[in-house]
C-alpha cells in the first residue's frame, strides 16, 4: 500500500520505520532538517510531491493543534480515493471534520509515546480504532497494530475521549501534582522512587502531547474528582480521624480490587 505520513516528529518518523519494510512509504515535512534520519522512505518537502506520490492512505502525525489545518492544506493534492487518517490523542471535532470533508477516513490512537514506551516490546500497550472509520482503513490498522502486539479496542469518537479522560488524565494529573510538589532534598524510599520514575517518564513526553490529553473536554470532571478525594483526605489527616481513615482506605482497596478496574 502507498502511505504518506504528514509530519516528521517523533510519531511520524516512528511510523515510517514501522511501515516502510512492508509498504511504499513517503513522509512530508517542509523542514528538510527533520528528514535527515529517515530511511527506506521517500522524503517530501513540497505539497506537489504528495500529488506525484499519489498515496492510498494519508496518516496525519502532526500535533493536535495543527492536525485539521494540515489536512485542509494537503487535501487539494490527494486523489478522491485516498483515505484520510489521524492518530490524535483527543478526537473532539474530528467527526465533524470528516463528515464535512466527505472523504473516507480511519481514526486511531496508538496509546504510547516514542519516548516513554519500549517500541520493541509493545505487548503491554494499547491502540484504539474509531468505530465510525472506513472498513478498509480499519482492516489496515488492525493488521498493523496486531503485528506490533498491541491490544486493540474499538470505540466511537465520543467513547474514545471519555475513556482517555479517565485512563490518562487521572494518572497524568496525579503525576504532575506529585512533580510540582518536589523539594530539593533527598528522599530515600522505594515508593517515592517509583513515583519519581513515572513522573520523569511522563515529563519526557512532548508538551503538546501532555496538553492534548489534559485539554480533553472530559478531563476537567476527572481532575475535579481527584480534588474532591484529596480534600476529603486532607480533612481526615487534619482531624486525625482514625475511623474515617479506616473507611477511606477500605473504599480505596475495594476500588482497586474491583475486577472491572484494570
Protein backbone atom coordinates (compact mmCIF):
# COMPACT_ATOMS: atom_id res chain seq x y z
CA UNK A 1 0.00 0.00 0.00
CA UNK A 2 1.18 3.55 -0.73
CA UNK A 3 1.22 5.53 2.51
CA UNK A 4 2.11 9.17 3.05
CA UNK A 5 2.80 10.45 6.55
CA UNK A 6 2.40 14.12 7.46
CA UNK A 7 4.91 15.44 9.97
CA UNK A 8 8.40 14.18 10.76
CA UNK A 9 8.09 14.44 14.53
CA UNK A 10 8.62 11.52 16.90
CA UNK A 11 5.44 9.65 15.96
CA UNK A 12 5.78 10.45 12.27
CA UNK A 13 9.32 9.11 11.99
CA UNK A 14 8.42 6.08 14.11
CA UNK A 15 5.56 5.30 11.73
CA UNK A 16 7.92 5.40 8.75
CA UNK A 17 10.23 2.91 10.47
CA UNK A 18 7.34 0.63 11.38
CA UNK A 19 5.70 0.68 7.94
CA UNK A 20 8.45 1.13 5.36
CA UNK A 21 9.51 -2.52 5.05
CA UNK A 22 6.01 -3.74 4.12
CA UNK A 23 4.68 -0.69 2.25
CA UNK A 24 5.68 2.08 -0.14
CA UNK A 25 6.04 4.97 2.32
CA UNK A 26 6.66 8.70 1.94
CA UNK A 27 6.88 11.35 4.63
CA UNK A 28 6.11 15.03 4.15
CA UNK A 29 7.58 17.85 6.21
CA UNK A 30 8.54 21.31 4.90
CA UNK A 31 11.53 21.30 7.31
CA UNK A 32 14.14 19.23 5.45
CA UNK A 33 16.30 19.05 8.59
CA UNK A 34 13.72 16.75 10.19
CA UNK A 35 14.03 14.31 7.29
CA UNK A 36 17.78 13.69 7.67
CA UNK A 37 17.49 10.40 9.53
CA UNK A 38 14.55 8.87 7.65
CA UNK A 39 15.41 5.68 5.78
CA UNK A 40 13.67 3.44 3.23
CA UNK A 41 11.15 6.25 2.78
CA UNK A 42 10.59 8.95 0.18
CA UNK A 43 11.24 12.41 1.63
CA UNK A 44 8.80 15.10 0.54
CA UNK A 45 9.14 18.82 1.26
CA UNK A 46 6.66 20.23 -1.27
CA UNK A 47 2.91 19.58 -1.38
CA UNK A 48 3.10 18.95 -5.12
CA UNK A 49 5.28 15.94 -4.35
CA UNK A 50 2.39 14.43 -2.38
CA UNK A 51 0.26 14.60 -5.53
CA UNK A 52 3.02 12.90 -7.53
CA UNK A 53 3.36 10.16 -4.91
CA UNK A 54 -0.44 9.66 -5.01
CA UNK A 55 -0.93 7.87 -1.63
CA UNK A 56 -3.74 5.45 -0.91
CA UNK A 57 -3.63 6.40 2.78
CA UNK A 58 -2.55 9.71 4.32
CA UNK A 59 -1.60 9.41 8.01
CA UNK A 60 -1.57 12.77 9.76
CA UNK A 61 1.04 12.72 12.55
CA UNK A 62 1.10 16.48 13.12
CA UNK A 63 0.37 17.58 16.72
CA UNK A 64 -3.29 18.07 17.59
CA UNK A 65 -3.11 21.86 17.45
CA UNK A 66 -2.39 21.71 13.71
CA UNK A 67 -3.90 18.37 12.62
CA UNK A 68 -7.07 19.60 10.91
CA UNK A 69 -5.26 22.56 9.35
CA UNK A 70 -2.64 20.18 7.92
CA UNK A 71 -5.41 18.03 6.42
CA UNK A 72 -7.01 21.06 4.80
CA UNK A 73 -3.71 22.21 3.31
CA UNK A 74 -2.89 18.92 1.58
CA UNK A 75 -6.35 17.69 0.54
CA UNK A 76 -6.20 19.51 -2.84
CA UNK A 77 -3.17 17.32 -3.63
CA UNK A 78 -4.88 14.00 -2.82
CA UNK A 79 -6.94 11.73 -5.04
CA UNK A 80 -10.62 11.33 -4.20
CA UNK A 81 -9.98 7.72 -3.17
CA UNK A 82 -7.20 8.49 -0.67
CA UNK A 83 -8.18 7.52 2.90
CA UNK A 84 -7.54 10.22 5.50
CA UNK A 85 -6.12 9.01 8.82
CA UNK A 86 -5.24 10.63 12.12
CA UNK A 87 -3.59 9.31 15.28
CA UNK A 88 -4.72 12.14 17.56
CA UNK A 89 -4.99 11.50 21.29
CA UNK A 90 -8.16 13.62 21.55
CA UNK A 91 -10.89 13.27 18.90
CA UNK A 92 -13.00 16.34 19.63
CA UNK A 93 -14.01 17.96 16.33
CA UNK A 94 -12.69 15.18 14.12
CA UNK A 95 -16.05 13.52 13.47
CA UNK A 96 -17.48 16.80 12.20
CA UNK A 97 -14.38 17.45 10.08
CA UNK A 98 -14.50 14.05 8.40
CA UNK A 99 -18.24 14.30 7.75
CA UNK A 100 -17.77 17.73 6.16
CA UNK A 101 -14.85 16.51 4.02
CA UNK A 102 -16.96 13.71 2.53
CA UNK A 103 -13.85 11.53 2.34
CA UNK A 104 -13.16 8.03 3.59
CA UNK A 105 -11.25 8.08 6.86
CA UNK A 106 -9.80 5.96 9.63
CA UNK A 107 -9.13 7.47 13.03
CA UNK A 108 -6.92 5.63 15.53
CA UNK A 109 -4.95 6.29 18.70
CA UNK A 110 -1.77 4.33 19.46
CA UNK A 111 -1.67 4.78 23.23
CA UNK A 112 2.04 5.09 23.78
CA UNK A 113 4.73 7.68 23.20
CA UNK A 114 8.02 7.01 21.41
CA UNK A 115 9.98 8.48 24.34
CA UNK A 116 8.11 6.59 27.09
CA UNK A 117 7.50 3.14 25.61
CA UNK A 118 9.87 0.39 24.56
CA UNK A 119 8.94 0.28 20.89
CA UNK A 120 10.42 -3.21 20.54
CA UNK A 121 8.09 -4.61 23.21
CA UNK A 122 4.62 -3.12 22.81
CA UNK A 123 2.60 -6.10 24.05
CA UNK A 124 1.64 -4.22 27.22
CA UNK A 125 0.38 -1.22 25.28
CA UNK A 126 -2.92 -0.45 23.62
CA UNK A 127 -4.38 1.12 20.49
CA UNK A 128 -7.88 2.42 19.82
CA UNK A 129 -9.64 2.32 16.45
CA UNK A 130 -12.69 4.52 15.99
CA UNK A 131 -15.84 2.54 15.11
CA UNK A 132 -17.12 5.02 12.54
CA UNK A 133 -13.99 4.61 10.40
CA UNK A 134 -13.90 3.22 6.85
CA UNK A 135 -13.94 -0.60 6.71
CA UNK A 136 -10.75 -0.89 4.64
CA UNK A 137 -8.97 1.64 6.84
CA UNK A 138 -9.94 -0.25 9.99
CA UNK A 139 -8.73 -3.53 8.48
CA UNK A 140 -5.37 -1.96 7.61
CA UNK A 141 -4.76 -0.61 11.10
CA UNK A 142 -5.98 -3.78 12.80
CA UNK A 143 -3.36 -5.72 10.84
CA UNK A 144 -0.69 -3.11 11.55
CA UNK A 145 -1.34 -2.81 15.27
CA UNK A 146 -1.73 -6.57 15.64
CA UNK A 147 1.68 -7.08 14.02
CA UNK A 148 3.15 -4.92 16.81
CA UNK A 149 1.44 -6.96 19.51
CA UNK A 150 -0.75 -4.07 20.65
CA UNK A 151 -4.05 -4.67 22.44
CA UNK A 152 -6.75 -3.25 20.16
CA UNK A 153 -10.01 -1.63 21.25
CA UNK A 154 -12.86 -0.10 19.24
CA UNK A 155 -14.72 2.98 20.47
CA UNK A 156 -16.85 5.70 18.93
CA UNK A 157 -15.39 9.22 18.77
CA UNK A 158 -17.20 10.25 21.96
CA UNK A 159 -16.43 7.00 23.79
CA UNK A 160 -12.76 7.47 22.93
CA UNK A 161 -12.49 10.90 24.54
CA UNK A 162 -14.38 9.78 27.66
CA UNK A 163 -12.11 6.74 28.01
CA UNK A 164 -8.94 8.76 27.50
CA UNK A 165 -10.06 11.34 30.07
CA UNK A 166 -10.36 8.52 32.60
CA UNK A 167 -7.40 6.31 31.69
CA UNK A 168 -4.82 9.04 31.00
CA UNK A 169 -5.97 12.27 32.63
CA UNK A 170 -6.11 10.82 36.14
CA UNK A 171 -2.54 9.39 36.17
CA UNK A 172 -1.23 12.40 34.21
CA UNK A 173 -2.72 14.89 36.67
CA UNK A 174 -1.59 12.86 39.69
CA UNK A 175 1.99 12.63 38.37
CA UNK A 176 2.09 16.34 37.54
CA UNK A 177 0.92 17.30 41.03
CA UNK A 178 3.49 14.91 42.52
CA UNK A 179 6.26 16.50 40.43
CA UNK A 180 5.10 20.03 41.21
CA UNK A 181 5.35 19.26 44.94
CA UNK A 182 9.02 18.20 44.86
CA UNK A 183 11.58 19.94 47.05
CA UNK A 184 15.37 19.96 46.73
CA UNK A 185 16.07 17.23 49.24
CA UNK A 186 16.89 13.55 49.16
CA UNK A 187 14.03 11.18 49.83
CA UNK A 188 15.12 7.57 50.25
CA UNK A 189 12.24 5.20 49.75
CA UNK A 190 11.14 2.63 47.17
CA UNK A 191 7.61 4.03 46.74
CA UNK A 192 8.90 7.58 46.31
CA UNK A 193 11.44 6.49 43.72
CA UNK A 194 8.78 4.57 41.76
CA UNK A 195 6.59 7.66 41.67
CA UNK A 196 9.57 9.78 40.65
CA UNK A 197 10.39 7.44 37.76
CA UNK A 198 6.80 7.60 36.49
CA UNK A 199 6.72 11.41 36.76
CA UNK A 200 10.04 11.82 34.95
CA UNK A 201 8.89 9.44 32.21
CA UNK A 202 5.71 11.45 31.76
CA UNK A 203 7.59 14.75 31.59
CA UNK A 204 9.90 13.34 28.93
CA UNK A 205 6.90 13.48 26.59
CA UNK A 206 6.26 16.43 24.31
CA UNK A 207 4.41 19.37 25.89
CA UNK A 208 1.84 19.32 23.09
CA UNK A 209 1.03 15.67 23.83
CA UNK A 210 0.50 16.38 27.53
CA UNK A 211 -1.63 19.41 26.71
CA UNK A 212 -3.74 17.41 24.24
CA UNK A 213 -4.64 14.91 26.95
CA UNK A 214 -5.28 17.48 29.67
CA UNK A 215 -7.39 19.74 27.42
CA UNK A 216 -9.72 16.87 26.56
CA UNK A 217 -13.23 18.27 27.28
CA UNK A 218 -13.88 15.35 29.65
CA UNK A 219 -10.67 15.84 31.67
CA UNK A 220 -11.99 18.56 33.96
CA UNK A 221 -14.53 16.23 35.55
CA UNK A 222 -11.84 13.62 36.25
CA UNK A 223 -9.43 16.13 37.81
CA UNK A 224 -12.30 17.56 39.86
CA UNK A 225 -12.81 14.06 41.27
CA UNK A 226 -9.14 13.98 42.32
CA UNK A 227 -9.56 17.34 44.05
CA UNK A 228 -12.65 16.12 45.91
CA UNK A 229 -10.90 12.98 47.17
CA UNK A 230 -7.77 14.94 48.11
CA UNK A 231 -9.86 17.44 50.08
CA UNK A 232 -11.52 14.57 51.93
CA UNK A 233 -8.13 13.01 52.69
CA UNK A 234 -6.78 16.33 53.97
CA UNK A 235 -9.72 16.66 56.35
CA UNK A 236 -9.06 13.15 57.71
CA UNK A 237 -5.38 13.97 58.22
CA UNK A 238 -6.12 17.32 59.86
CA UNK A 239 -8.62 15.81 62.30
CA UNK A 240 -6.55 12.65 62.82
CA UNK A 241 -9.80 10.77 62.19
CA UNK A 242 -8.76 7.10 62.58
CA UNK A 243 -12.20 5.67 61.90
CA UNK A 244 -12.69 7.91 58.90
CA UNK A 245 -9.25 6.96 57.56
CA UNK A 246 -10.07 3.28 58.03
CA UNK A 247 -13.24 3.68 55.96
CA UNK A 248 -11.37 5.71 53.34
CA UNK A 249 -8.67 3.06 52.93
CA UNK A 250 -11.28 0.29 52.79
CA UNK A 251 -13.02 2.18 49.99
CA UNK A 252 -9.76 2.57 48.08
CA UNK A 253 -8.98 -1.15 48.41
CA UNK A 254 -12.48 -2.00 47.21
CA UNK A 255 -11.99 0.21 44.15
CA UNK A 256 -8.60 -1.31 43.32
CA UNK A 257 -9.84 -4.88 43.77
CA UNK A 258 -12.88 -4.34 41.55
CA UNK A 259 -12.37 -6.70 38.55
CA UNK A 260 -13.79 -4.02 36.25
CA UNK A 261 -10.88 -1.70 37.17
CA UNK A 262 -7.81 -2.56 35.12
